[in-house]
Amino acid sequence: MSEIPAHRVLPLFQADAIAARVDEMAADLARAVPKDVTVVALLKGAFVFTADLVRALDRHGLTPEVEFLQVSSYGLGTASSGKVKVIGAMPDSVGGRDVLLVDDIQDTARTLAWTRDLLVSHGANSVRTCALLDKPSRRQVPFEADHIGFTIEDWFVVGYGIDWAERYRHLSWIGRVEFDQA
């Protein structure tokens, strides 16, 4: 693994607060999407959120199918490159389906907007979007997710599936990275 600068991770949202918000989001989504919605999770960052969300959707009466799509705009850095690309294959089962597109963070909004359009171009009947975190101060395209878990300042965050150079995904909570001053 590459070297990363000296830093510490300060707790932002504890596991119980995340669980409560995910359940609230599932209740809202259960009123907004069809019972058999196809959930398309953006990998890798949204995998933990998606797992908890689809179980919560089940508790609220939905029977979602789950697909995964890997896209990238960050690489190993702490800021988006501005270019979104698909890594691997498109999900097979979006044609003619109502889709819930799930991402970890909406910041510039490029990834969600681009991926929503990609799913529509591959035949999705409808696409609603959902992000666990939103950084509105970083918006670069005119797009807003339909469902947001938490709105945060322009912090670099990790945990609950969200990484920094493949580190910190394992945390059950979300923290903000604070860099040590040299």
N, C-alpha and C. Protein backbone atom coordinates (compact mmCIF):
# COMPACT_ATOMS: atom_id res chain seq x y z
N MET A 1 0.84 -1.18 0.00
CA MET A 1 0.00 0.00 0.00
C MET A 1 0.88 1.25 0.00
N SER A 2 0.35 2.29 -0.61
CA SER A 2 1.10 3.54 -0.66
C SER A 2 1.06 4.24 0.70
N GLU A 3 2.03 5.10 0.90
CA GLU A 3 2.10 5.87 2.14
C GLU A 3 1.03 6.96 2.10
N ILE A 4 0.41 7.19 3.24
CA ILE A 4 -0.54 8.27 3.34
C ILE A 4 -0.05 9.24 4.40
N PRO A 5 -0.41 10.51 4.29
CA PRO A 5 0.08 11.51 5.24
C PRO A 5 -0.39 11.23 6.67
N ALA A 6 0.34 11.75 7.63
CA ALA A 6 -0.04 11.62 9.04
C ALA A 6 -1.42 12.24 9.24
N HIS A 7 -2.25 11.53 9.97
CA HIS A 7 -3.64 11.97 10.14
C HIS A 7 -4.26 11.25 11.33
N ARG A 8 -5.46 11.64 11.66
CA ARG A 8 -6.28 10.89 12.61
C ARG A 8 -7.71 10.93 12.08
N VAL A 9 -8.51 9.97 12.53
CA VAL A 9 -9.89 9.90 12.10
C VAL A 9 -10.77 10.22 13.31
N LEU A 10 -11.55 11.30 13.18
CA LEU A 10 -12.42 11.76 14.26
C LEU A 10 -13.85 11.30 13.99
N PRO A 11 -14.50 10.69 14.97
CA PRO A 11 -15.88 10.20 14.75
C PRO A 11 -16.82 11.32 14.33
N LEU A 12 -17.65 11.00 13.35
CA LEU A 12 -18.65 11.93 12.84
C LEU A 12 -20.05 11.37 13.10
N PHE A 13 -20.28 10.11 12.69
CA PHE A 13 -21.56 9.43 12.92
C PHE A 13 -21.26 8.05 13.48
N GLN A 14 -21.79 7.77 14.65
CA GLN A 14 -21.61 6.45 15.27
C GLN A 14 -22.55 5.43 14.62
N ALA A 15 -22.27 4.16 14.82
CA ALA A 15 -23.02 3.07 14.20
C ALA A 15 -24.51 3.15 14.50
N ASP A 16 -24.89 3.48 15.74
CA ASP A 16 -26.32 3.51 16.07
C ASP A 16 -27.04 4.65 15.36
N ALA A 17 -26.39 5.79 15.18
CA ALA A 17 -27.00 6.90 14.45
C ALA A 17 -27.16 6.55 12.97
N ILE A 18 -26.18 5.86 12.41
CA ILE A 18 -26.26 5.43 11.01
C ILE A 18 -27.40 4.44 10.85
N ALA A 19 -27.50 3.47 11.74
CA ALA A 19 -28.57 2.46 11.66
C ALA A 19 -29.95 3.11 11.72
N ALA A 20 -30.12 4.07 12.62
CA ALA A 20 -31.41 4.74 12.74
C ALA A 20 -31.75 5.51 11.47
N ARG A 21 -30.75 6.19 10.89
CA ARG A 21 -31.01 6.97 9.67
C ARG A 21 -31.29 6.06 8.49
N VAL A 22 -30.58 4.95 8.39
CA VAL A 22 -30.84 4.00 7.30
C VAL A 22 -32.26 3.47 7.39
N ASP A 23 -32.73 3.17 8.59
CA ASP A 23 -34.10 2.69 8.75
C ASP A 23 -35.11 3.77 8.35
N GLU A 24 -34.86 5.02 8.73
CA GLU A 24 -35.74 6.13 8.32
C GLU A 24 -35.77 6.26 6.80
N MET A 25 -34.60 6.14 6.18
CA MET A 25 -34.53 6.23 4.72
C MET A 25 -35.31 5.10 4.08
N ALA A 26 -35.20 3.89 4.62
CA ALA A 26 -35.93 2.74 4.08
C ALA A 26 -37.44 2.96 4.17
N ALA A 27 -37.89 3.53 5.28
CA ALA A 27 -39.32 3.82 5.43
C ALA A 27 -39.77 4.80 4.35
N ASP A 28 -38.98 5.85 4.12
CA ASP A 28 -39.30 6.83 3.07
C ASP A 28 -39.29 6.17 1.69
N LEU A 29 -38.27 5.36 1.44
CA LEU A 29 -38.16 4.70 0.14
C LEU A 29 -39.30 3.73 -0.09
N ALA A 30 -39.77 3.06 0.96
CA ALA A 30 -40.87 2.10 0.82
C ALA A 30 -42.14 2.79 0.32
N ARG A 31 -42.25 4.08 0.57
CA ARG A 31 -43.41 4.84 0.06
C ARG A 31 -43.15 5.40 -1.34
N ALA A 32 -41.90 5.37 -1.80
CA ALA A 32 -41.55 6.05 -3.05
C ALA A 32 -41.21 5.12 -4.21
N VAL A 33 -40.84 3.88 -3.92
CA VAL A 33 -40.41 2.98 -4.99
C VAL A 33 -41.29 1.73 -5.01
N PRO A 34 -41.34 1.04 -6.14
CA PRO A 34 -42.12 -0.20 -6.20
C PRO A 34 -41.56 -1.27 -5.26
N LYS A 35 -42.42 -2.17 -4.85
CA LYS A 35 -42.04 -3.23 -3.91
C LYS A 35 -40.87 -4.07 -4.42
N ASP A 36 -40.81 -4.28 -5.72
CA ASP A 36 -39.77 -5.14 -6.31
C ASP A 36 -38.67 -4.34 -7.01
N VAL A 37 -38.36 -3.17 -6.49
CA VAL A 37 -37.33 -2.30 -7.07
C VAL A 37 -36.00 -3.06 -7.20
N THR A 38 -35.25 -2.71 -8.22
CA THR A 38 -33.90 -3.23 -8.38
C THR A 38 -32.93 -2.20 -7.81
N VAL A 39 -32.20 -2.59 -6.78
CA VAL A 39 -31.21 -1.72 -6.17
C VAL A 39 -29.89 -1.93 -6.90
N VAL A 40 -29.32 -0.85 -7.40
CA VAL A 40 -28.00 -0.90 -8.03
C VAL A 40 -27.05 -0.14 -7.12
N ALA A 41 -26.13 -0.87 -6.50
CA ALA A 41 -25.17 -0.29 -5.57
C ALA A 41 -23.88 0.04 -6.30
N LEU A 42 -23.36 1.23 -6.04
CA LEU A 42 -22.09 1.62 -6.63
C LEU A 42 -20.96 1.14 -5.73
N LEU A 43 -20.10 0.34 -6.32
CA LEU A 43 -18.97 -0.23 -5.59
C LEU A 43 -17.75 0.65 -5.75
N LYS A 44 -16.91 0.65 -4.77
CA LYS A 44 -16.95 -0.18 -3.61
C LYS A 44 -17.59 0.52 -2.42
N GLY A 45 -17.61 1.83 -2.42
CA GLY A 45 -17.97 2.60 -1.24
C GLY A 45 -19.34 2.37 -0.67
N ALA A 46 -20.32 2.01 -1.50
CA ALA A 46 -21.70 1.88 -1.02
C ALA A 46 -22.06 0.47 -0.58
N PHE A 47 -21.12 -0.46 -0.54
CA PHE A 47 -21.50 -1.85 -0.27
C PHE A 47 -22.05 -2.06 1.13
N VAL A 48 -21.49 -1.43 2.15
CA VAL A 48 -21.99 -1.61 3.52
C VAL A 48 -23.35 -0.93 3.66
N PHE A 49 -23.45 0.30 3.19
CA PHE A 49 -24.71 1.04 3.22
C PHE A 49 -25.80 0.25 2.51
N THR A 50 -25.50 -0.28 1.33
CA THR A 50 -26.50 -1.02 0.56
C THR A 50 -26.95 -2.27 1.30
N ALA A 51 -26.03 -3.00 1.90
CA ALA A 51 -26.41 -4.20 2.64
C ALA A 51 -27.39 -3.85 3.75
N ASP A 52 -27.09 -2.81 4.51
CA ASP A 52 -28.00 -2.41 5.59
C ASP A 52 -29.31 -1.87 5.03
N LEU A 53 -29.24 -1.12 3.93
CA LEU A 53 -30.44 -0.53 3.35
C LEU A 53 -31.38 -1.60 2.81
N VAL A 54 -30.88 -2.61 2.10
CA VAL A 54 -31.80 -3.61 1.54
C VAL A 54 -32.45 -4.46 2.65
N ARG A 55 -31.73 -4.69 3.74
CA ARG A 55 -32.36 -5.39 4.88
C ARG A 55 -33.44 -4.52 5.50
N ALA A 56 -33.18 -3.21 5.60
CA ALA A 56 -34.19 -2.30 6.13
C ALA A 56 -35.38 -2.20 5.17
N LEU A 57 -35.14 -2.19 3.87
CA LEU A 57 -36.23 -2.19 2.90
C LEU A 57 -37.10 -3.42 3.08
N ASP A 58 -36.48 -4.56 3.32
CA ASP A 58 -37.23 -5.79 3.57
C ASP A 58 -38.13 -5.63 4.80
N ARG A 59 -37.59 -5.05 5.87
CA ARG A 59 -38.39 -4.84 7.09
C ARG A 59 -39.57 -3.92 6.83
N HIS A 60 -39.47 -3.07 5.79
CA HIS A 60 -40.55 -2.15 5.44
C HIS A 60 -41.40 -2.68 4.28
N GLY A 61 -41.31 -3.98 4.00
CA GLY A 61 -42.21 -4.63 3.05
C GLY A 61 -41.76 -4.71 1.61
N LEU A 62 -40.56 -4.28 1.28
CA LEU A 62 -40.08 -4.38 -0.09
C LEU A 62 -39.32 -5.68 -0.31
N THR A 63 -39.25 -6.10 -1.56
CA THR A 63 -38.49 -7.30 -1.94
C THR A 63 -37.51 -6.94 -3.05
N PRO A 64 -36.49 -6.15 -2.72
CA PRO A 64 -35.59 -5.64 -3.75
C PRO A 64 -34.67 -6.72 -4.32
N GLU A 65 -34.39 -6.58 -5.61
CA GLU A 65 -33.29 -7.32 -6.22
C GLU A 65 -32.07 -6.42 -6.08
N VAL A 66 -30.89 -7.02 -6.06
CA VAL A 66 -29.67 -6.23 -5.87
C VAL A 66 -28.68 -6.52 -6.99
N GLU A 67 -28.17 -5.45 -7.54
CA GLU A 67 -27.12 -5.51 -8.56
C GLU A 67 -25.99 -4.59 -8.10
N PHE A 68 -24.82 -4.80 -8.69
CA PHE A 68 -23.66 -3.97 -8.35
C PHE A 68 -23.05 -3.41 -9.62
N LEU A 69 -22.56 -2.21 -9.50
CA LEU A 69 -21.88 -1.55 -10.61
C LEU A 69 -20.69 -0.85 -10.01
N GLN A 70 -19.52 -1.08 -10.59
CA GLN A 70 -18.33 -0.41 -10.08
C GLN A 70 -17.97 0.73 -11.01
N VAL A 71 -17.94 1.92 -10.43
CA VAL A 71 -17.51 3.11 -11.14
C VAL A 71 -16.44 3.78 -10.30
N SER A 72 -15.66 4.62 -10.92
CA SER A 72 -14.60 5.29 -10.18
C SER A 72 -14.37 6.69 -10.72
N SER A 73 -14.13 7.61 -9.78
CA SER A 73 -13.67 8.95 -10.16
C SER A 73 -12.58 9.44 -9.21
N TYR A 74 -12.23 8.63 -8.20
CA TYR A 74 -11.26 9.05 -7.20
C TYR A 74 -9.89 8.40 -7.34
N GLY A 75 -9.83 7.12 -7.69
CA GLY A 75 -8.55 6.43 -7.67
C GLY A 75 -8.03 6.36 -6.25
N LEU A 76 -6.77 6.70 -6.04
CA LEU A 76 -6.18 6.66 -4.70
C LEU A 76 -6.15 8.02 -4.03
N GLY A 77 -6.70 9.04 -4.66
CA GLY A 77 -6.62 10.39 -4.12
C GLY A 77 -7.73 10.72 -3.13
N THR A 78 -7.72 11.97 -2.69
CA THR A 78 -8.73 12.46 -1.76
C THR A 78 -9.70 13.41 -2.45
N ALA A 79 -9.57 13.59 -3.75
CA ALA A 79 -10.48 14.44 -4.51
C ALA A 79 -10.83 13.76 -5.82
N SER A 80 -12.03 14.02 -6.31
CA SER A 80 -12.50 13.43 -7.56
C SER A 80 -11.65 13.91 -8.73
N SER A 81 -11.40 13.00 -9.65
CA SER A 81 -10.67 13.36 -10.87
C SER A 81 -11.56 14.15 -11.83
N GLY A 82 -12.88 14.08 -11.62
CA GLY A 82 -13.82 14.74 -12.51
C GLY A 82 -14.27 13.88 -13.67
N LYS A 83 -13.68 12.70 -13.81
CA LYS A 83 -14.05 11.79 -14.88
C LYS A 83 -14.56 10.49 -14.27
N VAL A 84 -15.78 10.10 -14.64
CA VAL A 84 -16.38 8.87 -14.13
C VAL A 84 -16.19 7.78 -15.18
N LYS A 85 -15.83 6.59 -14.71
CA LYS A 85 -15.69 5.48 -15.64
C LYS A 85 -16.24 4.21 -15.00
N VAL A 86 -16.78 3.34 -15.84
CA VAL A 86 -17.27 2.04 -15.39
C VAL A 86 -16.10 1.08 -15.34
N ILE A 87 -16.02 0.34 -14.26
CA ILE A 87 -15.01 -0.71 -14.13
C ILE A 87 -15.78 -2.03 -14.13
N GLY A 88 -15.55 -2.86 -15.13
CA GLY A 88 -16.29 -4.12 -15.21
C GLY A 88 -17.52 -3.98 -16.08
N ALA A 89 -18.50 -4.85 -15.83
CA ALA A 89 -19.68 -4.95 -16.68
C ALA A 89 -20.89 -4.23 -16.08
N MET A 90 -21.83 -3.90 -16.95
CA MET A 90 -23.11 -3.33 -16.54
C MET A 90 -23.99 -4.44 -16.00
N PRO A 91 -24.85 -4.12 -15.01
CA PRO A 91 -25.81 -5.11 -14.54
C PRO A 91 -26.76 -5.52 -15.67
N ASP A 92 -27.12 -6.79 -15.71
CA ASP A 92 -27.99 -7.30 -16.76
C ASP A 92 -29.47 -6.95 -16.57
N SER A 93 -29.89 -6.80 -15.33
CA SER A 93 -31.32 -6.76 -15.07
C SER A 93 -31.92 -5.37 -14.89
N VAL A 94 -31.39 -4.33 -15.53
CA VAL A 94 -31.99 -3.02 -15.36
C VAL A 94 -33.01 -2.70 -16.44
N GLY A 95 -32.95 -3.36 -17.58
CA GLY A 95 -33.87 -3.10 -18.67
C GLY A 95 -35.32 -3.30 -18.24
N GLY A 96 -36.15 -2.26 -18.42
CA GLY A 96 -37.56 -2.34 -18.07
C GLY A 96 -37.85 -2.33 -16.58
N ARG A 97 -36.85 -2.11 -15.76
CA ARG A 97 -37.02 -2.17 -14.30
C ARG A 97 -37.01 -0.77 -13.69
N ASP A 98 -37.64 -0.67 -12.51
CA ASP A 98 -37.52 0.53 -11.69
C ASP A 98 -36.30 0.33 -10.82
N VAL A 99 -35.40 1.30 -10.83
CA VAL A 99 -34.09 1.15 -10.20
C VAL A 99 -33.92 2.19 -9.08
N LEU A 100 -33.31 1.74 -8.00
CA LEU A 100 -32.83 2.63 -6.95
C LEU A 100 -31.32 2.58 -7.00
N LEU A 101 -30.70 3.67 -7.40
CA LEU A 101 -29.25 3.78 -7.51
C LEU A 101 -28.70 4.28 -6.18
N VAL A 102 -27.80 3.50 -5.57
CA VAL A 102 -27.30 3.79 -4.23
C VAL A 102 -25.81 4.09 -4.29
N ASP A 103 -25.44 5.24 -3.69
CA ASP A 103 -24.03 5.63 -3.63
C ASP A 103 -23.69 6.01 -2.20
N ASP A 104 -22.40 6.04 -1.91
CA ASP A 104 -21.97 6.41 -0.56
C ASP A 104 -22.02 7.91 -0.34
N ILE A 105 -21.46 8.70 -1.29
CA ILE A 105 -21.36 10.14 -1.11
C ILE A 105 -21.75 10.86 -2.40
N GLN A 106 -22.60 11.87 -2.25
CA GLN A 106 -22.85 12.79 -3.35
C GLN A 106 -22.06 14.05 -3.04
N ASP A 107 -21.06 14.33 -3.84
CA ASP A 107 -20.33 15.58 -3.64
C ASP A 107 -20.44 16.42 -4.91
N THR A 108 -19.60 16.17 -5.90
CA THR A 108 -19.70 16.94 -7.14
C THR A 108 -21.00 16.63 -7.87
N ALA A 109 -21.57 15.45 -7.62
CA ALA A 109 -22.79 14.91 -8.24
C ALA A 109 -22.53 14.32 -9.62
N ARG A 110 -21.30 14.35 -10.08
CA ARG A 110 -20.99 13.78 -11.39
C ARG A 110 -21.30 12.28 -11.44
N THR A 111 -20.89 11.55 -10.41
CA THR A 111 -21.06 10.09 -10.45
C THR A 111 -22.53 9.70 -10.48
N LEU A 112 -23.33 10.26 -9.58
CA LEU A 112 -24.75 9.90 -9.56
C LEU A 112 -25.46 10.33 -10.84
N ALA A 113 -25.22 11.54 -11.31
CA ALA A 113 -25.87 12.01 -12.52
C ALA A 113 -25.46 11.16 -13.73
N TRP A 114 -24.17 10.90 -13.85
CA TRP A 114 -23.65 10.12 -14.98
C TRP A 114 -24.19 8.70 -14.94
N THR A 115 -24.17 8.09 -13.76
CA THR A 115 -24.61 6.70 -13.64
C THR A 115 -26.12 6.58 -13.82
N ARG A 116 -26.88 7.54 -13.30
CA ARG A 116 -28.33 7.54 -13.55
C ARG A 116 -28.60 7.56 -15.05
N ASP A 117 -27.94 8.45 -15.77
CA ASP A 117 -28.13 8.53 -17.22
C ASP A 117 -27.70 7.23 -17.91
N LEU A 118 -26.65 6.62 -17.42
CA LEU A 118 -26.18 5.35 -17.98
C LEU A 118 -27.24 4.26 -17.81
N LEU A 119 -27.84 4.18 -16.63
CA LEU A 119 -28.88 3.17 -16.37
C LEU A 119 -30.11 3.42 -17.24
N VAL A 120 -30.49 4.67 -17.40
CA VAL A 120 -31.62 5.00 -18.27
C VAL A 120 -31.30 4.59 -19.71
N SER A 121 -30.07 4.86 -20.16
CA SER A 121 -29.69 4.50 -21.53
C SER A 121 -29.64 2.99 -21.73
N HIS A 122 -29.53 2.23 -20.64
CA HIS A 122 -29.56 0.76 -20.72
C HIS A 122 -30.95 0.20 -20.44
N GLY A 123 -31.97 1.07 -20.52
CA GLY A 123 -33.35 0.59 -20.50
C GLY A 123 -34.08 0.62 -19.17
N ALA A 124 -33.48 1.21 -18.13
CA ALA A 124 -34.21 1.28 -16.86
C ALA A 124 -35.50 2.07 -17.07
N ASN A 125 -36.57 1.57 -16.48
CA ASN A 125 -37.87 2.22 -16.58
C ASN A 125 -37.84 3.57 -15.85
N SER A 126 -37.29 3.55 -14.65
CA SER A 126 -37.12 4.77 -13.86
C SER A 126 -35.90 4.57 -12.97
N VAL A 127 -35.30 5.68 -12.56
CA VAL A 127 -34.14 5.62 -11.66
C VAL A 127 -34.31 6.68 -10.59
N ARG A 128 -34.41 6.23 -9.34
CA ARG A 128 -34.35 7.12 -8.18
C ARG A 128 -32.95 6.98 -7.61
N THR A 129 -32.46 8.05 -7.00
CA THR A 129 -31.09 8.04 -6.49
C THR A 129 -31.08 8.25 -4.99
N CYS A 130 -30.07 7.65 -4.36
CA CYS A 130 -29.95 7.66 -2.91
C CYS A 130 -28.47 7.72 -2.56
N ALA A 131 -28.12 8.59 -1.62
CA ALA A 131 -26.74 8.66 -1.16
C ALA A 131 -26.75 8.76 0.37
N LEU A 132 -25.83 8.07 0.99
CA LEU A 132 -25.73 8.13 2.45
C LEU A 132 -25.31 9.52 2.91
N LEU A 133 -24.31 10.09 2.24
CA LEU A 133 -23.78 11.40 2.61
C LEU A 133 -23.91 12.37 1.45
N ASP A 134 -24.10 13.64 1.79
CA ASP A 134 -24.17 14.69 0.79
C ASP A 134 -23.27 15.83 1.22
N LYS A 135 -22.45 16.31 0.27
CA LYS A 135 -21.59 17.48 0.47
C LYS A 135 -22.01 18.55 -0.52
N PRO A 136 -23.06 19.31 -0.22
CA PRO A 136 -23.57 20.27 -1.21
C PRO A 136 -22.58 21.35 -1.59
N SER A 137 -21.64 21.67 -0.73
CA SER A 137 -20.66 22.72 -1.06
C SER A 137 -19.73 22.31 -2.20
N ARG A 138 -19.69 21.02 -2.54
CA ARG A 138 -18.79 20.53 -3.59
C ARG A 138 -19.50 20.33 -4.93
N ARG A 139 -20.80 20.65 -5.01
CA ARG A 139 -21.58 20.37 -6.21
C ARG A 139 -20.98 21.06 -7.42
N GLN A 140 -20.81 20.29 -8.51
CA GLN A 140 -20.28 20.85 -9.76
C GLN A 140 -21.22 20.65 -10.94
N VAL A 141 -22.21 19.79 -10.77
CA VAL A 141 -23.24 19.62 -11.80
C VAL A 141 -24.60 19.80 -11.14
N PRO A 142 -25.57 20.30 -11.89
CA PRO A 142 -26.89 20.55 -11.31
C PRO A 142 -27.68 19.25 -11.13
N PHE A 143 -27.44 18.58 -10.03
CA PHE A 143 -28.10 17.30 -9.75
C PHE A 143 -28.22 17.15 -8.25
N GLU A 144 -29.37 16.66 -7.79
CA GLU A 144 -29.57 16.38 -6.37
C GLU A 144 -30.16 14.98 -6.24
N ALA A 145 -29.58 14.18 -5.37
CA ALA A 145 -30.11 12.83 -5.12
C ALA A 145 -31.52 12.94 -4.56
N ASP A 146 -32.34 11.95 -4.86
CA ASP A 146 -33.72 11.94 -4.37
C ASP A 146 -33.79 11.69 -2.86
N HIS A 147 -32.85 10.93 -2.34
CA HIS A 147 -32.85 10.57 -0.91
C HIS A 147 -31.43 10.70 -0.36
N ILE A 148 -31.30 11.40 0.77
CA ILE A 148 -30.00 11.65 1.40
C ILE A 148 -30.06 11.22 2.86
N GLY A 149 -28.98 10.58 3.30
CA GLY A 149 -28.90 10.19 4.70
C GLY A 149 -28.49 11.34 5.59
N PHE A 150 -27.30 11.87 5.39
CA PHE A 150 -26.75 12.95 6.20
C PHE A 150 -26.11 13.98 5.28
N THR A 151 -26.27 15.25 5.61
CA THR A 151 -25.58 16.32 4.91
C THR A 151 -24.38 16.72 5.76
N ILE A 152 -23.22 16.81 5.11
CA ILE A 152 -21.99 17.13 5.84
C ILE A 152 -21.26 18.28 5.17
N GLU A 153 -20.32 18.83 5.91
CA GLU A 153 -19.43 19.86 5.35
C GLU A 153 -18.43 19.19 4.41
N ASP A 154 -17.57 19.96 3.84
CA ASP A 154 -16.58 19.45 2.88
C ASP A 154 -15.42 18.79 3.63
N TRP A 155 -15.72 17.68 4.28
CA TRP A 155 -14.71 16.90 4.98
C TRP A 155 -14.38 15.67 4.15
N PHE A 156 -13.16 15.19 4.29
CA PHE A 156 -12.80 13.90 3.73
C PHE A 156 -13.18 12.86 4.79
N VAL A 157 -14.05 11.92 4.42
CA VAL A 157 -14.59 10.98 5.39
C VAL A 157 -14.24 9.54 5.01
N VAL A 158 -14.23 8.69 6.04
CA VAL A 158 -13.95 7.26 5.86
C VAL A 158 -14.83 6.46 6.80
N GLY A 159 -14.89 5.15 6.56
CA GLY A 159 -15.62 4.24 7.42
C GLY A 159 -16.95 3.84 6.81
N TYR A 160 -17.54 2.77 7.38
CA TYR A 160 -18.84 2.27 6.93
C TYR A 160 -18.82 2.01 5.42
N GLY A 161 -17.72 1.41 4.95
CA GLY A 161 -17.56 1.08 3.54
C GLY A 161 -16.78 2.11 2.73
N ILE A 162 -16.67 3.32 3.25
CA ILE A 162 -15.99 4.41 2.54
C ILE A 162 -14.50 4.34 2.87
N ASP A 163 -13.67 4.41 1.84
CA ASP A 163 -12.24 4.20 2.05
C ASP A 163 -11.40 5.43 1.73
N TRP A 164 -10.15 5.28 2.08
CA TRP A 164 -9.08 6.17 1.62
C TRP A 164 -7.95 5.23 1.22
N ALA A 165 -7.71 5.15 -0.08
CA ALA A 165 -6.68 4.24 -0.61
C ALA A 165 -6.87 2.83 -0.06
N GLU A 166 -8.12 2.37 -0.05
CA GLU A 166 -8.55 1.04 0.38
C GLU A 166 -8.45 0.82 1.90
N ARG A 167 -8.21 1.85 2.66
CA ARG A 167 -8.18 1.74 4.12
C ARG A 167 -9.48 2.24 4.72
N TYR A 168 -9.81 1.77 5.90
CA TYR A 168 -10.91 2.23 6.76
C TYR A 168 -12.30 1.74 6.37
N ARG A 169 -12.47 0.97 5.32
CA ARG A 169 -13.80 0.47 4.96
C ARG A 169 -14.43 -0.33 6.11
N HIS A 170 -13.62 -0.97 6.92
CA HIS A 170 -14.08 -1.89 7.96
C HIS A 170 -14.74 -1.20 9.15
N LEU A 171 -14.59 0.09 9.30
CA LEU A 171 -15.14 0.78 10.47
C LEU A 171 -16.67 0.70 10.47
N SER A 172 -17.28 0.52 11.64
CA SER A 172 -18.75 0.48 11.74
C SER A 172 -19.34 1.88 11.84
N TRP A 173 -18.50 2.89 11.89
CA TRP A 173 -18.91 4.28 12.02
C TRP A 173 -18.24 5.09 10.92
N ILE A 174 -18.66 6.36 10.79
CA ILE A 174 -18.08 7.26 9.80
C ILE A 174 -17.30 8.33 10.54
N GLY A 175 -16.08 8.56 10.06
CA GLY A 175 -15.25 9.60 10.67
C GLY A 175 -14.70 10.53 9.61
N ARG A 176 -14.31 11.71 10.08
CA ARG A 176 -13.66 12.65 9.17
C ARG A 176 -12.16 12.60 9.41
N VAL A 177 -11.42 12.69 8.34
CA VAL A 177 -9.97 12.64 8.41
C VAL A 177 -9.45 14.04 8.71
N GLU A 178 -8.63 14.10 9.73
CA GLU A 178 -7.96 15.36 10.07
C GLU A 178 -6.47 15.14 9.88
N PHE A 179 -5.87 15.94 9.03
CA PHE A 179 -4.46 15.78 8.72
C PHE A 179 -3.61 16.49 9.78
N ASP A 180 -2.53 15.83 10.18
CA ASP A 180 -1.60 16.43 11.13
C ASP A 180 -0.84 17.53 10.44
N GLN A 181 -0.59 18.60 11.17
CA GLN A 181 0.18 19.72 10.62
C GLN A 181 1.66 19.39 10.73
N ALA A 182 2.40 19.60 9.66
CA ALA A 182 3.84 19.27 9.65
C ALA A 182 4.65 20.33 10.31
